[in-house]
Amino acid sequence: MKRIAIKVIPNSKTEEIIDAEPMIIRVKEPPTKGKANKAVVMLLSRYFNADVRIVSGAKSRRKIVEVGET
């Protein structure tokens, strides 16, 4: 298991992952009712080809995610 610090930018025009420190994730979904969090988890799961879950910062733009093995 690896933990990564990320910064989420909701309501973007594109969905992308910018490899920086912290990793920047742009998603199209708004930050309401967990929609942006679900989009982040799905995007990172495809990027790392592994299970991803948000460990801390569920209501913040700065989050810690845990990347597991497939």
Protein backbone atom coordinates (compact mmCIF):
# COMPACT_ATOMS: atom_id res chain seq x y z
CA MET A 1 0.00 0.00 0.00
CA LYS A 2 1.28 3.42 -0.98
CA ARG A 3 -0.11 6.75 0.21
CA ILE A 4 -0.11 9.77 -2.09
CA ALA A 5 -1.00 13.42 -1.42
CA ILE A 6 -3.28 14.88 -4.09
CA LYS A 7 -5.02 18.15 -4.83
CA VAL A 8 -8.42 17.94 -6.52
CA ILE A 9 -9.79 20.59 -8.88
CA PRO A 10 -13.53 19.93 -9.44
CA ASN A 11 -15.70 21.49 -12.18
CA SER A 12 -12.87 21.37 -14.74
CA LYS A 13 -13.46 21.27 -18.47
CA THR A 14 -11.20 18.22 -18.81
CA GLU A 15 -10.32 15.20 -16.69
CA GLU A 16 -6.59 14.84 -16.24
CA ILE A 17 -3.84 13.86 -13.86
CA ILE A 18 -0.85 16.19 -13.52
CA ASP A 19 2.17 14.47 -12.01
CA ALA A 20 3.45 17.13 -9.61
CA GLU A 21 3.99 17.40 -5.88
CA PRO A 22 1.25 17.03 -4.73
CA MET A 23 -0.37 15.21 -7.67
CA ILE A 24 -3.11 17.39 -9.22
CA ILE A 25 -6.34 15.72 -10.33
CA ARG A 26 -8.85 17.61 -12.50
CA VAL A 27 -12.37 16.20 -12.70
CA LYS A 28 -15.53 17.42 -14.44
CA GLU A 29 -17.89 16.57 -11.57
CA PRO A 30 -18.97 19.15 -8.97
CA PRO A 31 -17.91 18.73 -5.33
CA THR A 32 -21.43 17.90 -4.16
CA LYS A 33 -22.73 14.62 -2.73
CA GLY A 34 -19.31 12.97 -3.19
CA LYS A 35 -19.45 13.10 -7.00
CA ALA A 36 -15.96 14.58 -7.36
CA ASN A 37 -14.53 12.03 -4.90
CA LYS A 38 -16.00 9.14 -6.87
CA ALA A 39 -14.56 10.58 -10.08
CA VAL A 40 -11.13 10.95 -8.45
CA VAL A 41 -11.16 7.34 -7.24
CA MET A 42 -12.20 6.05 -10.68
CA LEU A 43 -9.60 8.17 -12.50
CA LEU A 44 -6.76 7.14 -10.18
CA SER A 45 -7.82 3.47 -10.29
CA ARG A 46 -7.40 3.50 -14.06
CA TYR A 47 -4.14 5.47 -13.86
CA PHE A 48 -2.48 3.13 -11.35
CA ASN A 49 -4.40 0.00 -12.43
CA ALA A 50 -5.03 -0.74 -8.76
CA ASP A 51 -7.56 -0.24 -5.99
CA VAL A 52 -7.67 3.33 -4.68
CA ARG A 53 -9.41 4.77 -1.64
CA ILE A 54 -9.48 8.17 0.02
CA VAL A 55 -7.85 7.96 3.45
CA SER A 56 -8.26 11.57 4.60
CA GLY A 57 -9.60 14.87 3.30
CA ALA A 58 -12.96 13.66 2.00
CA LYS A 59 -14.40 17.19 2.29
CA SER A 60 -11.23 19.03 1.30
CA ARG A 61 -9.46 19.69 -1.99
CA ARG A 62 -6.26 18.29 -0.49
CA LYS A 63 -6.56 14.57 0.10
CA ILE A 64 -4.47 11.54 0.99
CA VAL A 65 -5.25 8.47 -1.12
CA GLU A 66 -4.08 4.94 -0.62
CA VAL A 67 -3.12 2.91 -3.69
CA GLY A 68 -3.26 -0.85 -3.21
CA GLU A 69 -2.28 -3.80 -5.32
CA THR A 70 -4.62 -5.09 -8.03
